[in-house]
Amino acid sequence: MKCPTFAAVVAIWGALVLGSLAHASEQSTATRAEGFVGCLDAKEDTALAGSLCARFSVPLDYADPSRERIELFVRKFPAPGRSAGQVWLVAGGPGESGASFYPLLKTLRAAFPGYDLLVPDHRGTGFSSRLCQKEEAADSEGGAALQGAEWATCFEALESDSKRTRAFTITHSAHDLRALMERYSAGRKTWLYGVSYGTQLVLRMMTVAPPRRLDGIVLDSLVPPETTEQWDLSHRSAVVDEVGRAVLAHCDADPGCRARLGDSAVAAMQGLVDDPKLSAAVPGGRPKLFFGALLDSPELRARIPLVLSGLRGGDLEPLRQVQHDLEALGAQFDRFPQASLSIPLVSVISASENNARPGLTKAQVEAEAARFLFVSSLPGQLVGRTSLAYPRDEWFGRSPAALPPVLVLQGDMDPKTPLAGAQAHIRLLPEAAGVNLFTVKGGPHFLLFTAPDCFKAAVSTFVQKRRAPRAACSI
């Protein structure tokens, strides 16, 4: 083969450089036209490097667009090189902002190679317009998080301006998402990812106002059907307890684990719960709640028998270490200014659309919790919130008429959105949609975060072939 001359190499290199510069110029022009500008915080945190930000105005109430308008915030992480299209990332909550995805960009890049990543903040969260405009302002006493007297004044404001409060609905948020996608997708190849509450929001949008182009949907930790009572938020402690007892049963089936405890793991956990002195050693003095929180992490839940053994023998070091590691998991998300959970939004949406027992009392919550070894704080938080609830609209409990290909990623050890609930929801979706269920054995909630290798394998296959991998995945 004849080697190219030096001059030819220079010419080829020059053409490539000019082509790259032209492409970069095209991208820059397109970005400016879309309204994206360099994010001010991109220079302060390496996780946000290169990100672009935009603000988009939408009606507070889509049924009355002449009323107040609010702002939605969206952050874009451009693909390296030429973009293959866009992936919209819809956070959970309902009070979480898009900041929950910022520490996970490496996994997302591997799962969606060559795609721009677009991360909106739901109305009421992050840098989007908030429910309590004064108390959740960045320059308020507690910043975006409520602090001290702000709790009382915030909820007083929600009560006094109920018309505005009741505009922060799932259906309005669905219209927001559709408006954002139509504004910024520009007919390019588009994928949509939602996690937990984000799956509820995605499916509501597909029911109410689907975008003109959507190539596929990934639903991570799919919520149960909206009309269910068995798995709604008021029954969350039952879901948590079932997973927690499965962890203890796994220890009981292991001779080494059982020998280390000197008894069954179930008996050890019950002994901890029944012993006031041991319970007081657990953070918050509520072992059922603390150990329930450990179930969200495969690594931490595996250490539950070790912590129980330490407590029974008077060794608190395993407990201290697991508490430290639990706090460290949250710290990687909490460092972003917009990351604080919007409790007002959680209260409004949870009371309105995800609570099958609006008459739930504190006494009921305590009586039910007495039967469990692991609990969630959510049932208790639902008590007394009915005054903030808005009426469920015509879209509640309905399924989309049509869907593009869908991948559902579900863990069989999910303490928030159980596999049985996801399966029940899938049965309600259009048969022609091509819904692929990919179950992760041992997987907890939010598989993008808790099972990244399984997530990458499943999503990358789905993006390329429109189906789930045939090989199983476990953690």
Protein backbone atom coordinates (compact mmCIF):
# COMPACT_ATOMS: atom_id res chain seq x y z
CA MET A 1 0.00 0.00 0.00
CA LYS A 2 1.30 3.43 -0.88
CA CYS A 3 1.72 5.66 2.21
CA PRO A 4 0.21 9.16 2.02
CA THR A 5 2.63 12.03 1.64
CA PHE A 6 3.21 14.47 4.49
CA ALA A 7 1.33 17.12 2.52
CA ALA A 8 -1.64 14.79 2.15
CA VAL A 9 -1.63 14.05 5.86
CA VAL A 10 -1.58 17.78 6.61
CA ALA A 11 -4.47 18.35 4.19
CA ILE A 12 -6.52 15.56 5.74
CA TRP A 13 -5.78 16.82 9.27
CA GLY A 14 -6.71 20.35 8.25
CA ALA A 15 -10.00 19.16 6.80
CA LEU A 16 -10.79 17.28 9.99
CA VAL A 17 -9.97 20.32 12.16
CA LEU A 18 -12.04 22.64 9.98
CA GLY A 19 -14.90 20.14 10.03
CA SER A 20 -14.72 19.90 13.81
CA LEU A 21 -14.64 23.67 14.16
CA ALA A 22 -17.61 23.99 11.81
CA HIS A 23 -19.50 21.37 13.80
CA ALA A 24 -18.65 23.14 17.07
CA SER A 25 -19.85 26.40 15.57
CA GLU A 26 -23.10 24.71 14.48
CA GLN A 27 -23.59 23.35 18.01
CA SER A 28 -22.87 26.74 19.57
CA THR A 29 -25.32 28.48 17.25
CA ALA A 30 -28.01 25.88 17.94
CA THR A 31 -27.43 26.13 21.68
CA ARG A 32 -27.76 29.90 21.65
CA ALA A 33 -30.93 29.64 19.60
CA GLU A 34 -32.39 27.24 22.18
CA GLY A 35 -31.72 29.75 24.96
CA PHE A 36 -29.02 27.78 26.75
CA VAL A 37 -26.09 29.65 28.29
CA GLY A 38 -23.13 28.56 30.36
CA CYS A 39 -24.21 27.71 33.91
CA LEU A 40 -22.75 29.98 36.57
CA ASP A 41 -22.14 27.05 38.93
CA ALA A 42 -20.36 24.98 36.26
CA LYS A 43 -17.05 26.57 37.27
CA GLU A 44 -17.60 25.86 40.96
CA ASP A 45 -18.19 22.09 40.78
CA THR A 46 -16.39 19.69 38.46
CA ALA A 47 -19.51 17.50 38.25
CA LEU A 48 -21.24 20.38 36.45
CA ALA A 49 -18.37 21.26 34.12
CA GLY A 50 -19.49 22.13 30.61
CA SER A 51 -23.17 22.20 31.53
CA LEU A 52 -25.54 24.73 29.98
CA CYS A 53 -28.63 26.20 31.61
CA ALA A 54 -31.95 27.60 30.43
CA ARG A 55 -35.13 28.95 32.00
CA PHE A 56 -38.51 28.44 30.39
CA SER A 57 -41.75 30.25 31.20
CA VAL A 58 -44.99 28.24 31.48
CA PRO A 59 -48.48 28.93 32.82
CA LEU A 60 -49.06 28.24 36.50
CA ASP A 61 -52.41 26.77 35.43
CA TYR A 62 -52.72 25.41 31.89
CA ALA A 63 -56.50 25.73 32.10
CA ASP A 64 -56.10 29.48 32.66
CA PRO A 65 -52.87 30.56 30.91
CA SER A 66 -53.66 34.26 31.41
CA ARG A 67 -52.94 33.89 35.13
CA GLU A 68 -49.53 33.82 36.81
CA ARG A 69 -46.60 32.29 34.95
CA ILE A 70 -43.80 30.33 36.56
CA GLU A 71 -40.28 29.42 35.49
CA LEU A 72 -38.85 25.99 34.85
CA PHE A 73 -35.12 25.35 35.06
CA VAL A 74 -33.36 22.84 32.80
CA ARG A 75 -29.69 21.91 32.68
CA LYS A 76 -28.07 20.39 29.61
CA PHE A 77 -24.93 18.26 29.55
CA PRO A 78 -23.91 18.24 25.87
CA ALA A 79 -22.63 15.00 24.40
CA PRO A 80 -18.91 14.87 23.68
CA GLY A 81 -18.54 15.22 19.92
CA ARG A 82 -21.48 15.05 17.56
CA SER A 83 -24.75 14.49 19.36
CA ALA A 84 -26.90 11.43 18.54
CA GLY A 85 -29.96 13.07 20.11
CA GLN A 86 -31.32 13.83 23.55
CA VAL A 87 -32.18 11.99 26.75
CA TRP A 88 -34.56 13.66 29.19
CA LEU A 89 -34.00 12.66 32.82
CA VAL A 90 -37.02 12.94 35.09
CA ALA A 91 -36.30 12.85 38.82
CA GLY A 92 -38.32 11.20 41.55
CA GLY A 93 -39.67 12.58 44.73
CA PRO A 94 -42.06 14.26 44.01
CA GLY A 95 -39.89 16.83 45.79
CA GLU A 96 -36.54 15.97 44.19
CA SER A 97 -34.83 18.25 41.70
CA GLY A 98 -32.72 17.17 38.74
CA ALA A 99 -29.65 17.42 40.97
CA SER A 100 -30.21 13.78 41.93
CA PHE A 101 -28.70 12.86 38.54
CA TYR A 102 -25.58 15.03 38.68
CA PRO A 103 -23.35 12.50 40.52
CA LEU A 104 -24.46 9.74 38.12
CA LEU A 105 -23.41 11.22 34.78
CA LYS A 106 -20.71 8.61 34.15
CA THR A 107 -23.25 5.78 34.29
CA LEU A 108 -25.73 7.74 32.17
CA ARG A 109 -23.08 8.49 29.54
CA ALA A 110 -22.26 4.77 29.31
CA ALA A 111 -25.93 3.81 29.04
CA PHE A 112 -26.79 6.52 26.49
CA PRO A 113 -23.50 7.00 24.58
CA GLY A 114 -23.35 10.07 22.35
CA TYR A 115 -26.55 11.70 23.65
CA ASP A 116 -27.12 15.11 25.19
CA LEU A 117 -28.50 14.77 28.71
CA LEU A 118 -31.26 17.22 29.64
CA VAL A 119 -32.22 17.51 33.30
CA PRO A 120 -35.27 19.61 34.25
CA ASP A 121 -36.30 20.62 37.75
CA HIS A 122 -40.00 19.86 38.36
CA ARG A 123 -42.16 22.87 39.21
CA GLY A 124 -41.76 23.36 42.94
CA THR A 125 -38.19 21.97 43.09
CA GLY A 126 -34.61 23.06 42.56
CA PHE A 127 -34.14 26.26 40.57
CA SER A 128 -37.70 26.15 39.18
CA SER A 129 -40.45 28.26 40.78
CA ARG A 130 -41.21 27.08 44.31
CA LEU A 131 -44.42 26.63 46.25
CA CYS A 132 -43.33 28.79 49.19
CA GLN A 133 -41.82 31.67 47.27
CA LYS A 134 -40.38 33.46 50.31
CA GLU A 135 -39.38 30.59 52.58
CA GLU A 136 -37.83 28.42 49.83
CA ALA A 137 -35.91 31.29 48.25
CA ALA A 138 -32.13 30.85 47.97
CA ASP A 139 -31.51 33.92 50.17
CA SER A 140 -33.96 32.88 52.92
CA GLU A 141 -32.87 31.72 56.37
CA GLY A 142 -32.54 28.07 55.42
CA GLY A 143 -31.95 28.58 51.70
CA ALA A 144 -34.16 26.29 49.62
CA ALA A 145 -34.76 24.09 52.68
CA LEU A 146 -37.23 25.17 55.35
CA GLN A 147 -35.73 26.12 58.68
CA GLY A 148 -37.08 27.24 62.03
CA ALA A 149 -40.07 29.57 61.80
CA GLU A 150 -40.16 29.09 58.01
CA TRP A 151 -42.04 25.83 58.46
CA ALA A 152 -45.05 27.59 59.98
CA THR A 153 -45.10 30.59 57.64
CA CYS A 154 -44.63 28.38 54.56
CA PHE A 155 -47.56 26.12 55.34
CA GLU A 156 -49.67 29.12 56.35
CA ALA A 157 -48.95 30.58 52.91
CA LEU A 158 -49.94 27.31 51.23
CA GLU A 159 -53.25 27.39 53.09
CA SER A 160 -53.97 31.08 52.45
CA ASP A 161 -53.27 30.90 48.70
CA SER A 162 -54.85 27.52 48.06
CA LYS A 163 -55.60 28.32 44.42
CA ARG A 164 -51.89 28.70 43.67
CA THR A 165 -50.98 25.71 45.85
CA ARG A 166 -53.41 23.46 43.98
CA ALA A 167 -51.80 24.32 40.65
CA PHE A 168 -48.72 22.25 41.57
CA THR A 169 -50.28 19.03 40.31
CA ILE A 170 -48.89 16.01 38.50
CA THR A 171 -50.97 16.88 35.44
CA HIS A 172 -49.60 20.44 35.25
CA SER A 173 -46.09 19.02 35.71
CA ALA A 174 -46.84 16.64 32.83
CA HIS A 175 -47.73 19.62 30.63
CA ASP A 176 -44.49 21.28 31.77
CA LEU A 177 -42.43 18.28 30.68
CA ARG A 178 -44.13 18.12 27.31
CA ALA A 179 -43.59 21.85 26.75
CA LEU A 180 -39.89 21.54 27.59
CA MET A 181 -39.40 18.55 25.29
CA GLU A 182 -41.19 20.25 22.42
CA ARG A 183 -39.13 23.42 22.92
CA TYR A 184 -35.70 21.83 23.08
CA SER A 185 -35.85 18.47 21.30
CA ALA A 186 -36.33 19.99 17.82
CA GLY A 187 -37.46 16.70 16.25
CA ARG A 188 -34.20 14.91 17.04
CA LYS A 189 -33.94 11.35 18.33
CA THR A 190 -35.34 11.53 21.86
CA TRP A 191 -35.34 9.17 24.83
CA LEU A 192 -37.08 9.65 28.15
CA TYR A 193 -35.97 8.26 31.51
CA GLY A 194 -37.95 8.51 34.74
CA VAL A 195 -37.32 7.08 38.19
CA SER A 196 -39.83 6.35 40.96
CA TYR A 197 -42.28 9.30 41.08
CA GLY A 198 -40.69 10.28 37.77
CA THR A 199 -42.25 7.16 36.21
CA GLN A 200 -45.67 8.35 37.38
CA LEU A 201 -45.02 11.77 35.85
CA VAL A 202 -43.75 10.31 32.57
CA LEU A 203 -46.80 8.08 32.18
CA ARG A 204 -49.12 10.97 33.08
CA MET A 205 -47.51 13.05 30.32
CA MET A 206 -47.92 10.18 27.86
CA THR A 207 -51.60 10.05 28.82
CA VAL A 208 -52.33 13.79 28.86
CA ALA A 209 -50.05 15.31 26.21
CA PRO A 210 -47.47 13.01 24.57
CA PRO A 211 -44.64 14.73 22.68
CA ARG A 212 -44.58 14.54 18.91
CA ARG A 213 -41.41 12.43 18.81
CA LEU A 214 -40.25 9.91 21.35
CA ASP A 215 -38.07 6.94 20.43
CA GLY A 216 -38.28 5.07 23.70
CA ILE A 217 -38.90 5.27 27.45
CA VAL A 218 -36.91 3.84 30.36
CA LEU A 219 -38.83 3.49 33.63
CA ASP A 220 -36.62 2.81 36.65
CA SER A 221 -38.46 1.56 39.76
CA LEU A 222 -41.95 1.84 38.30
CA VAL A 223 -44.65 2.96 40.73
CA PRO A 224 -47.71 0.75 41.34
CA PRO A 225 -51.00 1.66 39.61
CA GLU A 226 -52.42 4.94 40.92
CA THR A 227 -55.69 3.31 41.94
CA THR A 228 -54.07 0.66 44.10
CA GLU A 229 -54.46 0.68 47.88
CA GLN A 230 -52.12 -2.17 48.72
CA TRP A 231 -48.94 -0.30 47.76
CA ASP A 232 -49.86 3.39 48.18
CA LEU A 233 -47.78 5.67 50.43
CA SER A 234 -49.98 5.07 53.47
CA HIS A 235 -48.94 1.39 53.29
CA ARG A 236 -45.24 2.06 52.69
CA SER A 237 -44.16 0.56 56.03
CA ALA A 238 -45.65 -2.79 55.01
CA VAL A 239 -43.57 -2.71 51.81
CA VAL A 240 -40.40 -1.81 53.74
CA ASP A 241 -41.03 -4.52 56.34
CA GLU A 242 -41.45 -7.20 53.69
CA VAL A 243 -38.04 -6.40 52.18
CA GLY A 244 -36.41 -6.08 55.59
CA ARG A 245 -37.69 -9.48 56.69
CA ALA A 246 -36.38 -10.98 53.44
CA VAL A 247 -32.92 -9.67 54.35
CA LEU A 248 -33.18 -11.25 57.80
CA ALA A 249 -34.43 -14.53 56.30
CA HIS A 250 -31.38 -14.60 54.02
CA CYS A 251 -29.18 -14.41 57.12
CA ASP A 252 -31.17 -17.17 58.83
CA ALA A 253 -30.61 -19.42 55.81
CA ASP A 254 -26.85 -18.89 56.09
CA PRO A 255 -25.33 -21.03 58.90
CA GLY A 256 -22.39 -18.65 59.33
CA CYS A 257 -24.60 -15.57 59.60
CA ARG A 258 -26.94 -17.28 62.05
CA ALA A 259 -24.02 -18.52 64.16
CA ARG A 260 -22.56 -15.01 64.38
CA LEU A 261 -25.83 -13.76 65.85
CA GLY A 262 -26.24 -16.77 68.15
CA ASP A 263 -29.89 -16.87 67.18
CA SER A 264 -32.13 -16.08 64.23
CA ALA A 265 -31.79 -12.62 62.67
CA VAL A 266 -35.53 -12.08 63.10
CA ALA A 267 -35.21 -12.77 66.84
CA ALA A 268 -32.18 -10.46 67.06
CA MET A 269 -34.05 -7.61 65.36
CA GLN A 270 -37.10 -8.17 67.55
CA GLY A 271 -34.87 -8.14 70.61
CA LEU A 272 -33.39 -4.80 69.57
CA VAL A 273 -36.83 -3.29 69.00
CA ASP A 274 -38.09 -4.54 72.38
CA ASP A 275 -35.05 -3.35 74.39
CA PRO A 276 -35.30 0.40 75.23
CA LYS A 277 -31.62 0.61 76.10
CA LEU A 278 -30.46 -0.94 72.82
CA SER A 279 -32.98 1.10 70.84
CA ALA A 280 -31.62 4.31 72.38
CA ALA A 281 -28.19 3.52 70.93
CA VAL A 282 -29.58 3.63 67.39
CA PRO A 283 -29.59 7.07 65.66
CA GLY A 284 -32.85 8.82 66.45
CA GLY A 285 -33.75 6.08 68.94
CA ARG A 286 -35.97 4.47 66.30
CA PRO A 287 -34.35 1.22 65.12
CA LYS A 288 -37.25 0.27 62.83
CA LEU A 289 -36.86 3.50 60.89
CA PHE A 290 -33.04 3.50 60.84
CA PHE A 291 -32.74 -0.11 59.67
CA GLY A 292 -35.48 0.54 57.13
CA ALA A 293 -33.30 3.26 55.61
CA LEU A 294 -30.42 0.79 55.18
CA LEU A 295 -32.52 -1.30 52.78
CA ASP A 296 -32.01 1.24 49.98
CA SER A 297 -28.34 0.26 49.65
CA PRO A 298 -27.26 -3.33 48.84
CA GLU A 299 -23.97 -2.78 50.63
CA LEU A 300 -25.52 -1.34 53.79
CA ARG A 301 -28.39 -3.82 54.06
CA ALA A 302 -25.86 -6.67 53.87
CA ARG A 303 -24.30 -5.33 57.08
CA ILE A 304 -27.53 -5.42 59.09
CA PRO A 305 -26.65 -8.78 60.75
CA LEU A 306 -23.20 -7.43 61.65
CA VAL A 307 -24.74 -4.34 63.25
CA LEU A 308 -27.25 -6.48 65.16
CA SER A 309 -24.47 -8.75 66.38
CA GLY A 310 -22.45 -5.75 67.54
CA LEU A 311 -25.35 -4.23 69.42
CA ARG A 312 -26.10 -7.51 71.21
CA GLY A 313 -22.45 -7.80 72.25
CA GLY A 314 -22.03 -4.18 73.29
CA ASP A 315 -19.89 -3.22 70.28
CA LEU A 316 -21.26 -0.01 68.71
CA GLU A 317 -18.54 0.37 66.08
CA PRO A 318 -20.41 -1.50 63.29
CA LEU A 319 -23.42 0.75 63.95
CA ARG A 320 -21.30 3.91 63.86
CA GLN A 321 -19.65 2.83 60.62
CA VAL A 322 -22.92 2.02 58.88
CA GLN A 323 -24.36 5.37 60.02
CA HIS A 324 -21.31 7.15 58.62
CA ASP A 325 -21.60 5.34 55.30
CA LEU A 326 -25.35 6.04 55.09
CA GLU A 327 -24.70 9.76 55.58
CA ALA A 328 -21.89 9.65 53.01
CA LEU A 329 -24.28 8.23 50.41
CA GLY A 330 -26.58 11.20 50.84
CA ALA A 331 -23.76 13.72 50.98
CA GLN A 332 -22.76 13.16 47.36
CA PHE A 333 -26.18 14.49 46.32
CA ASP A 334 -26.64 17.14 49.03
CA ARG A 335 -23.65 19.20 47.96
CA PHE A 336 -25.58 20.84 45.11
CA PRO A 337 -27.42 24.09 46.05
CA GLN A 338 -30.65 22.94 44.38
CA ALA A 339 -30.61 19.45 45.89
CA SER A 340 -32.73 19.97 49.01
CA LEU A 341 -36.01 18.09 48.95
CA SER A 342 -39.11 20.29 48.67
CA ILE A 343 -41.23 19.10 51.59
CA PRO A 344 -44.11 21.42 50.60
CA LEU A 345 -44.37 19.76 47.18
CA VAL A 346 -44.09 16.28 48.71
CA SER A 347 -46.93 17.17 51.07
CA VAL A 348 -49.23 18.55 48.37
CA ILE A 349 -48.82 15.80 45.76
CA SER A 350 -48.59 12.90 48.20
CA ALA A 351 -51.77 13.97 50.00
CA SER A 352 -53.60 14.50 46.71
CA GLU A 353 -52.68 11.58 44.48
CA ASN A 354 -50.66 8.94 46.33
CA ASN A 355 -52.60 8.46 49.56
CA ALA A 356 -55.45 5.95 49.45
CA ARG A 357 -56.36 6.65 53.09
CA PRO A 358 -56.90 10.40 53.56
CA GLY A 359 -58.52 9.73 56.95
CA LEU A 360 -55.40 8.01 58.29
CA THR A 361 -54.70 8.86 61.95
CA LYS A 362 -51.56 8.87 64.05
CA ALA A 363 -53.01 6.08 66.18
CA GLN A 364 -53.53 3.93 63.07
CA VAL A 365 -49.96 4.53 61.91
CA GLU A 366 -48.57 3.57 65.32
CA ALA A 367 -50.78 0.48 65.60
CA GLU A 368 -49.69 -0.77 62.17
CA ALA A 369 -46.03 0.01 62.86
CA ALA A 370 -46.16 -2.09 66.04
CA ARG A 371 -46.50 -5.21 63.86
CA PHE A 372 -43.42 -4.40 61.79
CA LEU A 373 -39.68 -4.71 62.31
CA PHE A 374 -38.88 -2.15 59.61
CA VAL A 375 -40.88 1.02 58.88
CA SER A 376 -41.01 4.13 56.70
CA SER A 377 -41.66 7.67 57.92
CA LEU A 378 -44.08 8.34 55.05
CA PRO A 379 -47.35 7.06 56.58
CA GLY A 380 -46.86 9.35 59.58
CA GLN A 381 -46.11 12.31 57.33
CA LEU A 382 -49.44 11.85 55.55
CA VAL A 383 -51.45 12.40 58.73
CA GLY A 384 -53.13 15.81 58.82
CA ARG A 385 -52.11 16.92 55.32
CA THR A 386 -55.56 16.65 53.73
CA SER A 387 -56.16 20.41 53.86
CA LEU A 388 -53.46 20.89 51.23
CA ALA A 389 -54.87 18.26 48.87
CA TYR A 390 -56.23 19.20 45.47
CA PRO A 391 -59.04 17.21 43.78
CA ARG A 392 -57.89 14.36 41.56
CA ASP A 393 -58.55 15.24 37.93
CA GLU A 394 -59.90 13.19 35.04
CA TRP A 395 -56.44 11.80 34.24
CA PHE A 396 -55.91 10.08 37.58
CA GLY A 397 -55.72 6.30 37.19
CA ARG A 398 -55.76 6.38 33.40
CA SER A 399 -53.17 4.74 31.16
CA PRO A 400 -51.67 6.09 27.91
CA ALA A 401 -53.48 5.17 24.72
CA ALA A 402 -50.16 4.47 23.01
CA LEU A 403 -46.50 4.21 23.95
CA PRO A 404 -43.17 3.85 22.14
CA PRO A 405 -40.95 0.91 23.17
CA VAL A 406 -40.62 0.84 26.97
CA LEU A 407 -38.00 -0.69 29.26
CA VAL A 408 -39.01 -1.19 32.90
CA LEU A 409 -36.11 -1.75 35.30
CA GLN A 410 -37.22 -3.22 38.61
CA GLY A 411 -35.45 -4.69 41.60
CA ASP A 412 -37.00 -7.66 43.40
CA MET A 413 -35.83 -6.19 46.74
CA ASP A 414 -37.22 -2.68 46.24
CA PRO A 415 -38.47 -1.24 49.57
CA LYS A 416 -40.31 1.64 47.89
CA THR A 417 -41.86 0.48 44.62
CA PRO A 418 -42.25 -3.31 44.89
CA LEU A 419 -41.86 -5.64 41.93
CA ALA A 420 -45.45 -6.90 42.31
CA GLY A 421 -46.71 -3.33 42.04
CA ALA A 422 -44.68 -2.72 38.88
CA GLN A 423 -45.98 -5.94 37.34
CA ALA A 424 -49.55 -4.89 38.13
CA HIS A 425 -48.92 -1.53 36.46
CA ILE A 426 -47.38 -3.10 33.36
CA ARG A 427 -50.55 -5.15 32.88
CA LEU A 428 -52.49 -1.90 32.50
CA LEU A 429 -50.24 -0.45 29.79
CA PRO A 430 -51.07 -0.79 26.08
CA GLU A 431 -50.27 -4.29 24.86
CA ALA A 432 -48.87 -2.98 21.60
CA ALA A 433 -46.34 -0.78 23.36
CA GLY A 434 -43.67 -3.44 23.57
CA VAL A 435 -43.03 -3.16 27.30
CA ASN A 436 -39.84 -4.95 28.35
CA LEU A 437 -39.50 -5.85 32.04
CA PHE A 438 -35.92 -6.34 33.22
CA THR A 439 -35.77 -7.59 36.79
CA VAL A 440 -32.57 -7.15 38.81
CA LYS A 441 -32.22 -9.93 41.36
CA GLY A 442 -31.41 -8.38 44.72
CA GLY A 443 -31.98 -4.93 43.27
CA PRO A 444 -33.37 -2.20 45.55
CA HIS A 445 -34.79 1.17 44.50
CA PHE A 446 -33.29 3.61 41.92
CA LEU A 447 -31.22 1.09 39.95
CA LEU A 448 -29.33 3.81 38.08
CA PHE A 449 -27.69 4.52 41.44
CA THR A 450 -27.83 1.20 43.30
CA ALA A 451 -27.09 -1.23 40.44
CA PRO A 452 -25.13 0.78 37.84
CA ASP A 453 -23.66 -2.22 36.00
CA CYS A 454 -27.08 -3.82 35.54
CA PHE A 455 -28.48 -0.45 34.51
CA LYS A 456 -25.82 0.12 31.85
CA ALA A 457 -26.19 -3.38 30.40
CA ALA A 458 -29.98 -3.17 30.19
CA VAL A 459 -30.32 0.39 28.91
CA SER A 460 -27.53 0.26 26.32
CA THR A 461 -29.04 -2.93 24.87
CA PHE A 462 -32.49 -1.35 24.85
CA VAL A 463 -31.25 1.79 23.07
CA GLN A 464 -29.51 -0.29 20.40
CA LYS A 465 -32.04 -3.10 19.92
CA ARG A 466 -35.33 -1.85 21.45
CA ARG A 467 -35.46 -4.84 23.79
CA ALA A 468 -34.14 -5.86 27.18
CA PRO A 469 -31.05 -8.10 27.47
CA ARG A 470 -31.79 -11.81 27.51
CA ALA A 471 -29.23 -12.47 30.25
CA ALA A 472 -30.38 -11.96 33.84
CA CYS A 473 -28.64 -9.53 36.16
CA SER A 474 -28.12 -9.71 39.89
CA ILE A 475 -26.25 -7.78 42.58
